[in-house]
């Protein structure tokens, strides 16, 4: 049984190292979220960090701040959702699972 425990610990250590590599890789990958037909674009990293925000000048011409706020929120949420999906897919490759349950 000692050998099995040692093997299990080695496998866990290897999986942890792979997970750390995935996290580093995700920090360098980006996804884009959009809203309003591309009027607002948000780029996020695979580690859920917002990298950039672009607002088409045409979106400002209407003067409707509430609409613009809604578009920004929608684009940010789209980008973060895509980022989480990217991370989930990458971690599934490490764990060998198709999907991981959401954390939190």
PDB file of N, CA and C in Angstrom:
ATOM      1  N   UNK A   1       0.828  -1.198   0.000  1.00  0.00           N
ATOM      2  CA  UNK A   1       0.000   0.000   0.000  1.00  0.00           C
ATOM      3  C   UNK A   1       0.870   1.260   0.000  1.00  0.00           C
ATOM      4  N   UNK A   2       2.058   1.215   0.602  1.00  0.00           N
ATOM      5  CA  UNK A   2       2.957   2.349   0.623  1.00  0.00           C
ATOM      6  C   UNK A   2       3.336   2.792  -0.764  1.00  0.00           C
ATOM      7  N   UNK A   3       3.544   1.861  -1.661  1.00  0.00           N
ATOM      8  CA  UNK A   3       3.902   2.180  -3.036  1.00  0.00           C
ATOM      9  C   UNK A   3       2.751   2.882  -3.742  1.00  0.00           C
ATOM     10  N   UNK A   4       1.525   2.434  -3.506  1.00  0.00           N
ATOM     11  CA  UNK A   4       0.367   3.066  -4.126  1.00  0.00           C
ATOM     12  C   UNK A   4       0.228   4.512  -3.650  1.00  0.00           C
ATOM     13  N   UNK A   5       0.458   4.736  -2.372  1.00  0.00           N
ATOM     14  CA  UNK A   5       0.368   6.091  -1.831  1.00  0.00           C
ATOM     15  C   UNK A   5       1.452   6.973  -2.448  1.00  0.00           C
ATOM     16  N   UNK A   6       2.649   6.419  -2.592  1.00  0.00           N
ATOM     17  CA  UNK A   6       3.749   7.168  -3.202  1.00  0.00           C
ATOM     18  C   UNK A   6       3.399   7.519  -4.651  1.00  0.00           C
ATOM     19  N   UNK A   7       2.847   6.562  -5.371  1.00  0.00           N
ATOM     20  CA  UNK A   7       2.452   6.796  -6.766  1.00  0.00           C
ATOM     21  C   UNK A   7       1.364   7.863  -6.840  1.00  0.00           C
ATOM     22  N   UNK A   8       0.410   7.778  -5.934  1.00  0.00           N
ATOM     23  CA  UNK A   8      -0.681   8.764  -5.900  1.00  0.00           C
ATOM     24  C   UNK A   8      -0.138  10.159  -5.613  1.00  0.00           C
ATOM     25  N   UNK A   9       0.809  10.260  -4.687  1.00  0.00           N
ATOM     26  CA  UNK A   9       1.403  11.559  -4.356  1.00  0.00           C
ATOM     27  C   UNK A   9       2.170  12.123  -5.551  1.00  0.00           C
ATOM     28  N   UNK A  10       2.887  11.262  -6.279  1.00  0.00           N
ATOM     29  CA  UNK A  10       3.619  11.695  -7.472  1.00  0.00           C
ATOM     30  C   UNK A  10       2.651  12.217  -8.525  1.00  0.00           C
ATOM     31  N   UNK A  11       1.539  11.503  -8.712  1.00  0.00           N
ATOM     32  CA  UNK A  11       0.540  11.931  -9.696  1.00  0.00           C
ATOM     33  C   UNK A  11      -0.076  13.267  -9.294  1.00  0.00           C
ATOM     34  N   UNK A  12      -0.350  13.435  -8.014  1.00  0.00           N
ATOM     35  CA  UNK A  12      -0.925  14.701  -7.530  1.00  0.00           C
ATOM     36  C   UNK A  12       0.060  15.842  -7.734  1.00  0.00           C
ATOM     37  N   UNK A  13       1.333  15.587  -7.475  1.00  0.00           N
ATOM     38  CA  UNK A  13       2.360  16.611  -7.660  1.00  0.00           C
ATOM     39  C   UNK A  13       2.474  16.995  -9.136  1.00  0.00           C
ATOM     40  N   UNK A  14       2.431  15.993 -10.005  1.00  0.00           N
ATOM     41  CA  UNK A  14       2.505  16.256 -11.447  1.00  0.00           C
ATOM     42  C   UNK A  14       1.298  17.079 -11.902  1.00  0.00           C
ATOM     43  N   UNK A  15       0.107  16.720 -11.413  1.00  0.00           N
ATOM     44  CA  UNK A  15      -1.098  17.460 -11.786  1.00  0.00           C
ATOM     45  C   UNK A  15      -1.018  18.904 -11.295  1.00  0.00           C
ATOM     46  N   UNK A  16      -0.468  19.107 -10.103  1.00  0.00           N
ATOM     47  CA  UNK A  16      -0.324  20.460  -9.565  1.00  0.00           C
ATOM     48  C   UNK A  16       0.624  21.278 -10.438  1.00  0.00           C
ATOM     49  N   UNK A  17       1.722  20.682 -10.862  1.00  0.00           N
ATOM     50  CA  UNK A  17       2.667  21.380 -11.732  1.00  0.00           C
ATOM     51  C   UNK A  17       2.007  21.735 -13.066  1.00  0.00           C
ATOM     52  N   UNK A  18       1.250  20.800 -13.610  1.00  0.00           N
ATOM     53  CA  UNK A  18       0.561  21.064 -14.876  1.00  0.00           C
ATOM     54  C   UNK A  18      -0.459  22.187 -14.706  1.00  0.00           C
ATOM     55  N   UNK A  19      -1.165  22.193 -13.591  1.00  0.00           N
ATOM     56  CA  UNK A  19      -2.152  23.242 -13.330  1.00  0.00           C
ATOM     57  C   UNK A  19      -1.475  24.606 -13.239  1.00  0.00           C
ATOM     58  N   UNK A  20      -0.308  24.664 -12.619  1.00  0.00           N
ATOM     59  CA  UNK A  20       0.433  25.921 -12.535  1.00  0.00           C
ATOM     60  C   UNK A  20       0.881  26.384 -13.916  1.00  0.00           C
ATOM     61  N   UNK A  21       1.303  25.445 -14.756  1.00  0.00           N
ATOM     62  CA  UNK A  21       1.690  25.789 -16.124  1.00  0.00           C
ATOM     63  C   UNK A  21       0.494  26.330 -16.902  1.00  0.00           C
ATOM     64  N   UNK A  22      -0.658  25.721 -16.699  1.00  0.00           N
ATOM     65  CA  UNK A  22      -1.875  26.182 -17.371  1.00  0.00           C
ATOM     66  C   UNK A  22      -2.204  27.596 -16.921  1.00  0.00           C
ATOM     67  N   UNK A  23      -2.092  27.872 -15.625  1.00  0.00           N
ATOM     68  CA  UNK A  23      -2.388  29.215 -15.116  1.00  0.00           C
ATOM     69  C   UNK A  23      -1.463  30.255 -15.746  1.00  0.00           C
ATOM     70  N   UNK A  24      -0.187  29.929 -15.866  1.00  0.00           N
ATOM     71  CA  UNK A  24       0.756  30.865 -16.510  1.00  0.00           C
ATOM     72  C   UNK A  24       0.388  31.068 -17.977  1.00  0.00           C
ATOM     73  N   UNK A  25       0.032  29.994 -18.641  1.00  0.00           N
ATOM     74  CA  UNK A  25      -0.349  30.074 -20.046  1.00  0.00           C
ATOM     75  C   UNK A  25      -1.616  30.913 -20.226  1.00  0.00           C
ATOM     76  N   UNK A  26      -2.597  30.711 -19.352  1.00  0.00           N
ATOM     77  CA  UNK A  26      -3.856  31.454 -19.443  1.00  0.00           C
ATOM     78  C   UNK A  26      -3.632  32.957 -19.276  1.00  0.00           C
ATOM     79  N   UNK A  27      -2.680  33.326 -18.448  1.00  0.00           N
ATOM     80  CA  UNK A  27      -2.401  34.747 -18.233  1.00  0.00           C
ATOM     81  C   UNK A  27      -1.933  35.424 -19.522  1.00  0.00           C
ATOM     82  N   UNK A  28      -1.386  34.631 -20.453  1.00  0.00           N
ATOM     83  CA  UNK A  28      -0.888  35.181 -21.715  1.00  0.00           C
ATOM     84  C   UNK A  28      -1.873  35.039 -22.873  1.00  0.00           C
ATOM     85  N   UNK A  29      -2.972  34.360 -22.659  1.00  0.00           N
ATOM     86  CA  UNK A  29      -3.974  34.197 -23.705  1.00  0.00           C
ATOM     87  C   UNK A  29      -5.068  35.243 -23.524  1.00  0.00           C
ATOM     88  N   UNK A  30      -5.695  35.641 -24.625  1.00  0.00           N
ATOM     89  CA  UNK A  30      -6.764  36.632 -24.523  1.00  0.00           C
ATOM     90  C   UNK A  30      -8.008  36.167 -25.271  1.00  0.00           C
ATOM     91  N   UNK A  31      -9.119  36.699 -24.846  1.00  0.00           N
ATOM     92  CA  UNK A  31     -10.410  36.502 -25.498  1.00  0.00           C
ATOM     93  C   UNK A  31     -11.058  37.872 -25.635  1.00  0.00           C
ATOM     94  N   UNK A  32     -12.022  37.976 -26.544  1.00  0.00           N
ATOM     95  CA  UNK A  32     -12.693  39.255 -26.752  1.00  0.00           C
ATOM     96  C   UNK A  32     -14.182  39.094 -26.527  1.00  0.00           C
ATOM     97  N   UNK A  33     -14.743  40.030 -25.785  1.00  0.00           N
ATOM     98  CA  UNK A  33     -16.180  40.108 -25.590  1.00  0.00           C
ATOM     99  C   UNK A  33     -16.692  41.353 -26.284  1.00  0.00           C
ATOM    100  N   UNK A  34     -17.889  41.261 -26.855  1.00  0.00           N
ATOM    101  CA  UNK A  34     -18.444  42.411 -27.568  1.00  0.00           C
ATOM    102  C   UNK A  34     -19.898  42.629 -27.178  1.00  0.00           C
ATOM    103  N   UNK A  35     -20.363  43.823 -27.476  1.00  0.00           N
ATOM    104  CA  UNK A  35     -21.775  44.167 -27.286  1.00  0.00           C
ATOM    105  C   UNK A  35     -22.135  45.250 -28.288  1.00  0.00           C
ATOM    106  N   UNK A  36     -23.416  45.363 -28.572  1.00  0.00           N
ATOM    107  CA  UNK A  36     -23.884  46.399 -29.484  1.00  0.00           C
ATOM    108  C   UNK A  36     -23.337  46.223 -30.886  1.00  0.00           C
ATOM    109  N   UNK A  37     -23.249  44.980 -31.335  1.00  0.00           N
ATOM    110  CA  UNK A  37     -22.744  44.729 -32.681  1.00  0.00           C
ATOM    111  C   UNK A  37     -21.290  45.138 -32.861  1.00  0.00           C
ATOM    112  N   UNK A  38     -20.523  45.075 -31.773  1.00  0.00           N
ATOM    113  CA  UNK A  38     -19.106  45.441 -31.840  1.00  0.00           C
ATOM    114  C   UNK A  38     -18.840  46.884 -31.454  1.00  0.00           C
ATOM    115  N   UNK A  39     -19.880  47.614 -31.055  1.00  0.00           N
ATOM    116  CA  UNK A  39     -19.690  49.006 -30.642  1.00  0.00           C
ATOM    117  C   UNK A  39     -18.800  49.099 -29.410  1.00  0.00           C
ATOM    118  N   UNK A  40     -18.864  48.064 -28.560  1.00  0.00           N
ATOM    119  CA  UNK A  40     -18.008  47.987 -27.393  1.00  0.00           C
ATOM    120  C   UNK A  40     -17.297  46.643 -27.441  1.00  0.00           C
ATOM    121  N   UNK A  41     -15.956  46.689 -27.317  1.00  0.00           N
ATOM    122  CA  UNK A  41     -15.147  45.470 -27.321  1.00  0.00           C
ATOM    123  C   UNK A  41     -14.256  45.473 -26.090  1.00  0.00           C
ATOM    124  N   UNK A  42     -14.206  44.328 -25.428  1.00  0.00           N
ATOM    125  CA  UNK A  42     -13.383  44.171 -24.232  1.00  0.00           C
ATOM    126  C   UNK A  42     -12.483  42.965 -24.438  1.00  0.00           C
ATOM    127  N   UNK A  43     -11.209  43.128 -24.149  1.00  0.00           N
ATOM    128  CA  UNK A  43     -10.253  42.030 -24.228  1.00  0.00           C
ATOM    129  C   UNK A  43      -9.880  41.648 -22.800  1.00  0.00           C
ATOM    130  N   UNK A  44      -9.988  40.352 -22.504  1.00  0.00           N
ATOM    131  CA  UNK A  44      -9.627  39.833 -21.185  1.00  0.00           C
ATOM    132  C   UNK A  44      -8.627  38.701 -21.351  1.00  0.00           C
ATOM    133  N   UNK A  45      -7.803  38.517 -20.331  1.00  0.00           N
ATOM    134  CA  UNK A  45      -6.854  37.406 -20.351  1.00  0.00           C
ATOM    135  C   UNK A  45      -7.580  36.140 -19.909  1.00  0.00           C
ATOM    136  N   UNK A  46      -6.913  35.019 -20.097  1.00  0.00           N
ATOM    137  CA  UNK A  46      -7.462  33.747 -19.642  1.00  0.00           C
ATOM    138  C   UNK A  46      -7.505  33.646 -18.131  1.00  0.00           C
ATOM    139  N   UNK A  47      -6.863  34.576 -17.451  1.00  0.00           N
ATOM    140  CA  UNK A  47      -6.904  34.617 -15.990  1.00  0.00           C
ATOM    141  C   UNK A  47      -7.869  35.698 -15.491  1.00  0.00           C
ATOM    142  N   UNK A  48      -8.836  36.057 -16.319  1.00  0.00           N
ATOM    143  CA  UNK A  48      -9.925  36.986 -16.002  1.00  0.00           C
ATOM    144  C   UNK A  48      -9.466  38.394 -15.668  1.00  0.00           C
ATOM    145  N   UNK A  49      -8.420  38.841 -16.319  1.00  0.00           N
ATOM    146  CA  UNK A  49      -7.955  40.222 -16.159  1.00  0.00           C
ATOM    147  C   UNK A  49      -8.362  41.006 -17.403  1.00  0.00           C
ATOM    148  N   UNK A  50      -9.042  42.134 -17.212  1.00  0.00           N
ATOM    149  CA  UNK A  50      -9.428  42.974 -18.342  1.00  0.00           C
ATOM    150  C   UNK A  50      -8.175  43.665 -18.861  1.00  0.00           C
ATOM    151  N   UNK A  51      -7.892  43.468 -20.147  1.00  0.00           N
ATOM    152  CA  UNK A  51      -6.678  44.036 -20.739  1.00  0.00           C
ATOM    153  C   UNK A  51      -6.953  45.329 -21.504  1.00  0.00           C
ATOM    154  N   UNK A  52      -8.112  45.385 -22.170  1.00  0.00           N
ATOM    155  CA  UNK A  52      -8.408  46.614 -22.909  1.00  0.00           C
ATOM    156  C   UNK A  52      -9.902  46.751 -23.130  1.00  0.00           C
ATOM    157  N   UNK A  53     -10.294  47.981 -23.398  1.00  0.00           N
ATOM    158  CA  UNK A  53     -11.683  48.336 -23.668  1.00  0.00           C
ATOM    159  C   UNK A  53     -11.685  49.294 -24.846  1.00  0.00           C
ATOM    160  N   UNK A  54     -12.512  49.000 -25.840  1.00  0.00           N
ATOM    161  CA  UNK A  54     -12.622  49.891 -26.996  1.00  0.00           C
ATOM    162  C   UNK A  54     -14.092  50.258 -27.176  1.00  0.00           C
ATOM    163  N   UNK A  55     -14.342  51.542 -27.300  1.00  0.00           N
ATOM    164  CA  UNK A  55     -15.694  52.035 -27.559  1.00  0.00           C
ATOM    165  C   UNK A  55     -15.672  52.744 -28.895  1.00  0.00           C
ATOM    166  N   UNK A  56     -16.490  52.279 -29.809  1.00  0.00           N
ATOM    167  CA  UNK A  56     -16.600  52.911 -31.122  1.00  0.00           C
ATOM    168  C   UNK A  56     -17.136  54.331 -30.913  1.00  0.00           C
ATOM    169  N   UNK A  57     -16.510  55.336 -31.506  1.00  0.00           N
ATOM    170  CA  UNK A  57     -16.977  56.719 -31.347  1.00  0.00           C
ATOM    171  C   UNK A  57     -18.451  56.897 -31.703  1.00  0.00           C
ATOM    172  N   UNK A  58     -18.962  56.094 -32.596  1.00  0.00           N
ATOM    173  CA  UNK A  58     -20.387  56.179 -32.956  1.00  0.00           C
ATOM    174  C   UNK A  58     -21.275  55.888 -31.747  1.00  0.00           C
ATOM    175  N   UNK A  59     -20.795  55.049 -30.830  1.00  0.00           N
ATOM    176  CA  UNK A  59     -21.581  54.709 -29.643  1.00  0.00           C
ATOM    177  C   UNK A  59     -21.715  55.900 -28.700  1.00  0.00           C
ATOM    178  N   UNK A  60     -20.839  56.870 -28.847  1.00  0.00           N
ATOM    179  CA  UNK A  60     -20.871  58.062 -27.990  1.00  0.00           C
ATOM    180  C   UNK A  60     -21.767  59.155 -28.542  1.00  0.00           C
ATOM    181  N   UNK A  61     -22.057  59.086 -29.830  1.00  0.00           N
ATOM    182  CA  UNK A  61     -22.778  60.182 -30.478  1.00  0.00           C
ATOM    183  C   UNK A  61     -24.225  60.312 -30.024  1.00  0.00           C
ATOM    184  N   UNK A  62     -24.820  59.236 -29.538  1.00  0.00           N
ATOM    185  CA  UNK A  62     -26.221  59.299 -29.115  1.00  0.00           C
ATOM    186  C   UNK A  62     -26.424  60.016 -27.795  1.00  0.00           C
ATOM    187  N   UNK A  63     -25.391  60.106 -26.991  1.00  0.00           N
ATOM    188  CA  UNK A  63     -25.499  60.803 -25.716  1.00  0.00           C
ATOM    189  C   UNK A  63     -26.244  60.025 -24.650  1.00  0.00           C
ATOM    190  N   UNK A  64     -26.568  58.767 -24.887  1.00  0.00           N
ATOM    191  CA  UNK A  64     -27.303  57.955 -23.926  1.00  0.00           C
ATOM    192  C   UNK A  64     -26.310  57.205 -23.041  1.00  0.00           C
ATOM    193  N   UNK A  65     -25.956  57.810 -21.913  1.00  0.00           N
ATOM    194  CA  UNK A  65     -24.958  57.234 -21.014  1.00  0.00           C
ATOM    195  C   UNK A  65     -25.407  55.887 -20.466  1.00  0.00           C
ATOM    196  N   UNK A  66     -26.685  55.755 -20.154  1.00  0.00           N
ATOM    197  CA  UNK A  66     -27.188  54.499 -19.595  1.00  0.00           C
ATOM    198  C   UNK A  66     -27.045  53.355 -20.597  1.00  0.00           C
ATOM    199  N   UNK A  67     -27.314  53.617 -21.860  1.00  0.00           N
ATOM    200  CA  UNK A  67     -27.150  52.604 -22.891  1.00  0.00           C
ATOM    201  C   UNK A  67     -25.685  52.211 -23.022  1.00  0.00           C
ATOM    202  N   UNK A  68     -24.803  53.194 -23.019  1.00  0.00           N
ATOM    203  CA  UNK A  68     -23.369  52.918 -23.116  1.00  0.00           C
ATOM    204  C   UNK A  68     -22.888  52.095 -21.917  1.00  0.00           C
ATOM    205  N   UNK A  69     -23.364  52.432 -20.731  1.00  0.00           N
ATOM    206  CA  UNK A  69     -23.006  51.660 -19.543  1.00  0.00           C
ATOM    207  C   UNK A  69     -23.453  50.209 -19.683  1.00  0.00           C
ATOM    208  N   UNK A  70     -24.676  50.004 -20.181  1.00  0.00           N
ATOM    209  CA  UNK A  70     -25.189  48.652 -20.386  1.00  0.00           C
ATOM    210  C   UNK A  70     -24.352  47.886 -21.406  1.00  0.00           C
ATOM    211  N   UNK A  71     -23.931  48.563 -22.469  1.00  0.00           N
ATOM    212  CA  UNK A  71     -23.097  47.916 -23.484  1.00  0.00           C
ATOM    213  C   UNK A  71     -21.736  47.525 -22.906  1.00  0.00           C
ATOM    214  N   UNK A  72     -21.174  48.412 -22.100  1.00  0.00           N
ATOM    215  CA  UNK A  72     -19.877  48.111 -21.479  1.00  0.00           C
ATOM    216  C   UNK A  72     -20.006  46.907 -20.550  1.00  0.00           C
ATOM    217  N   UNK A  73     -21.028  46.905 -19.711  1.00  0.00           N
ATOM    218  CA  UNK A  73     -21.234  45.769 -18.807  1.00  0.00           C
ATOM    219  C   UNK A  73     -21.434  44.471 -19.586  1.00  0.00           C
ATOM    220  N   UNK A  74     -22.208  44.529 -20.637  1.00  0.00           N
ATOM    221  CA  UNK A  74     -22.458  43.329 -21.443  1.00  0.00           C
ATOM    222  C   UNK A  74     -21.170  42.816 -22.081  1.00  0.00           C
ATOM    223  N   UNK A  75     -20.349  43.726 -22.598  1.00  0.00           N
ATOM    224  CA  UNK A  75     -19.091  43.319 -23.226  1.00  0.00           C
ATOM    225  C   UNK A  75     -18.117  42.752 -22.199  1.00  0.00           C
ATOM    226  N   UNK A  76     -18.052  43.368 -21.022  1.00  0.00           N
ATOM    227  CA  UNK A  76     -17.171  42.860 -19.965  1.00  0.00           C
ATOM    228  C   UNK A  76     -17.626  41.472 -19.530  1.00  0.00           C
ATOM    229  N   UNK A  77     -18.919  41.312 -19.311  1.00  0.00           N
ATOM    230  CA  UNK A  77     -19.433  40.010 -18.899  1.00  0.00           C
ATOM    231  C   UNK A  77     -19.208  38.955 -19.979  1.00  0.00           C
ATOM    232  N   UNK A  78     -19.343  39.333 -21.241  1.00  0.00           N
ATOM    233  CA  UNK A  78     -19.084  38.414 -22.347  1.00  0.00           C
ATOM    234  C   UNK A  78     -17.616  37.987 -22.344  1.00  0.00           C
ATOM    235  N   UNK A  79     -16.720  38.946 -22.183  1.00  0.00           N
ATOM    236  CA  UNK A  79     -15.282  38.640 -22.168  1.00  0.00           C
ATOM    237  C   UNK A  79     -14.929  37.740 -20.984  1.00  0.00           C
ATOM    238  N   UNK A  80     -15.464  38.035 -19.816  1.00  0.00           N
ATOM    239  CA  UNK A  80     -15.162  37.225 -18.639  1.00  0.00           C
ATOM    240  C   UNK A  80     -15.740  35.816 -18.771  1.00  0.00           C
ATOM    241  N   UNK A  81     -16.907  35.707 -19.360  1.00  0.00           N
ATOM    242  CA  UNK A  81     -17.500  34.396 -19.590  1.00  0.00           C
ATOM    243  C   UNK A  81     -16.634  33.570 -20.537  1.00  0.00           C
ATOM    244  N   UNK A  82     -16.159  34.206 -21.596  1.00  0.00           N
ATOM    245  CA  UNK A  82     -15.277  33.511 -22.544  1.00  0.00           C
ATOM    246  C   UNK A  82     -13.952  33.138 -21.870  1.00  0.00           C
ATOM    247  N   UNK A  83     -13.469  34.008 -21.004  1.00  0.00           N
ATOM    248  CA  UNK A  83     -12.230  33.744 -20.290  1.00  0.00           C
ATOM    249  C   UNK A  83     -12.385  32.542 -19.354  1.00  0.00           C
ATOM    250  N   UNK A  84     -13.502  32.492 -18.640  1.00  0.00           N
ATOM    251  CA  UNK A  84     -13.753  31.351 -17.749  1.00  0.00           C
ATOM    252  C   UNK A  84     -13.872  30.057 -18.545  1.00  0.00           C
ATOM    253  N   UNK A  85     -14.529  30.106 -19.703  1.00  0.00           N
ATOM    254  CA  UNK A  85     -14.663  28.915 -20.547  1.00  0.00           C
ATOM    255  C   UNK A  85     -13.290  28.452 -21.035  1.00  0.00           C
ATOM    256  N   UNK A  86     -12.431  29.382 -21.409  1.00  0.00           N
ATOM    257  CA  UNK A  86     -11.080  29.056 -21.840  1.00  0.00           C
ATOM    258  C   UNK A  86     -10.316  28.372 -20.705  1.00  0.00           C
ATOM    259  N   UNK A  87     -10.410  28.929 -19.508  1.00  0.00           N
ATOM    260  CA  UNK A  87      -9.714  28.370 -18.349  1.00  0.00           C
ATOM    261  C   UNK A  87     -10.266  26.988 -18.005  1.00  0.00           C
ATOM    262  N   UNK A  88     -11.579  26.841 -18.065  1.00  0.00           N
ATOM    263  CA  UNK A  88     -12.203  25.560 -17.742  1.00  0.00           C
ATOM    264  C   UNK A  88     -11.759  24.482 -18.732  1.00  0.00           C
ATOM    265  N   UNK A  89     -11.702  24.842 -19.995  1.00  0.00           N
ATOM    266  CA  UNK A  89     -11.263  23.902 -21.022  1.00  0.00           C
ATOM    267  C   UNK A  89      -9.804  23.497 -20.797  1.00  0.00           C
ATOM    268  N   UNK A  90      -8.958  24.458 -20.479  1.00  0.00           N
ATOM    269  CA  UNK A  90      -7.537  24.178 -20.251  1.00  0.00           C
ATOM    270  C   UNK A  90      -7.344  23.291 -19.021  1.00  0.00           C
ATOM    271  N   UNK A  91      -8.080  23.571 -17.953  1.00  0.00           N
ATOM    272  CA  UNK A  91      -7.942  22.765 -16.745  1.00  0.00           C
ATOM    273  C   UNK A  91      -8.516  21.365 -16.939  1.00  0.00           C
ATOM    274  N   UNK A  92      -9.541  21.229 -17.760  1.00  0.00           N
ATOM    275  CA  UNK A  92     -10.115  19.916 -18.036  1.00  0.00           C
ATOM    276  C   UNK A  92      -9.082  19.013 -18.695  1.00  0.00           C
ATOM    277  N   UNK A  93      -8.214  19.591 -19.510  1.00  0.00           N
ATOM    278  CA  UNK A  93      -7.149  18.793 -20.126  1.00  0.00           C
ATOM    279  C   UNK A  93      -6.185  18.269 -19.071  1.00  0.00           C
ATOM    280  N   UNK A  94      -5.953  19.056 -18.028  1.00  0.00           N
ATOM    281  CA  UNK A  94      -5.044  18.633 -16.962  1.00  0.00           C
ATOM    282  C   UNK A  94      -5.695  17.553 -16.105  1.00  0.00           C
ATOM    283  N   UNK A  95      -6.939  17.756 -15.757  1.00  0.00           N
ATOM    284  CA  UNK A  95      -7.608  16.833 -14.845  1.00  0.00           C
ATOM    285  C   UNK A  95      -8.201  15.625 -15.556  1.00  0.00           C
ATOM    286  N   UNK A  96      -8.318  15.709 -16.889  1.00  0.00           N
ATOM    287  CA  UNK A  96      -8.889  14.598 -17.629  1.00  0.00           C
ATOM    288  C   UNK A  96     -10.405  14.565 -17.590  1.00  0.00           C
ATOM    289  N   UNK A  97     -11.012  15.646 -17.115  1.00  0.00           N
ATOM    290  CA  UNK A  97     -12.462  15.721 -17.030  1.00  0.00           C
ATOM    291  C   UNK A  97     -12.980  16.571 -18.189  1.00  0.00           C
ATOM    292  N   UNK A  98     -14.232  16.334 -18.560  1.00  0.00           N
ATOM    293  CA  UNK A  98     -14.833  17.151 -19.604  1.00  0.00           C
ATOM    294  C   UNK A  98     -15.171  18.542 -19.083  1.00  0.00           C
ATOM    295  N   UNK A  99     -15.699  18.598 -17.851  1.00  0.00           N
ATOM    296  CA  UNK A  99     -16.037  19.889 -17.259  1.00  0.00           C
ATOM    297  C   UNK A  99     -15.708  19.835 -15.776  1.00  0.00           C
ATOM    298  N   UNK A 100     -15.320  20.979 -15.260  1.00  0.00           N
ATOM    299  CA  UNK A 100     -15.081  21.099 -13.827  1.00  0.00           C
ATOM    300  C   UNK A 100     -16.263  21.846 -13.226  1.00  0.00           C
ATOM    301  N   UNK A 101     -16.669  21.459 -12.016  1.00  0.00           N
ATOM    302  CA  UNK A 101     -17.765  22.208 -11.380  1.00  0.00           C
ATOM    303  C   UNK A 101     -17.305  23.625 -11.081  1.00  0.00           C
ATOM    304  N   UNK A 102     -18.211  24.579 -11.138  1.00  0.00           N
ATOM    305  CA  UNK A 102     -17.836  25.961 -10.858  1.00  0.00           C
ATOM    306  C   UNK A 102     -17.336  26.104  -9.424  1.00  0.00           C
ATOM    307  N   UNK A 103     -16.353  26.975  -9.255  1.00  0.00           N
ATOM    308  CA  UNK A 103     -15.833  27.235  -7.924  1.00  0.00           C
ATOM    309  C   UNK A 103     -16.604  28.364  -7.276  1.00  0.00           C
ATOM    310  N   UNK A 104     -16.883  28.206  -6.019  1.00  0.00           N
ATOM    311  CA  UNK A 104     -17.527  29.285  -5.273  1.00  0.00           C
ATOM    312  C   UNK A 104     -18.959  29.286  -5.342  1.00  0.00           C
TER     313      UNK A 104
END
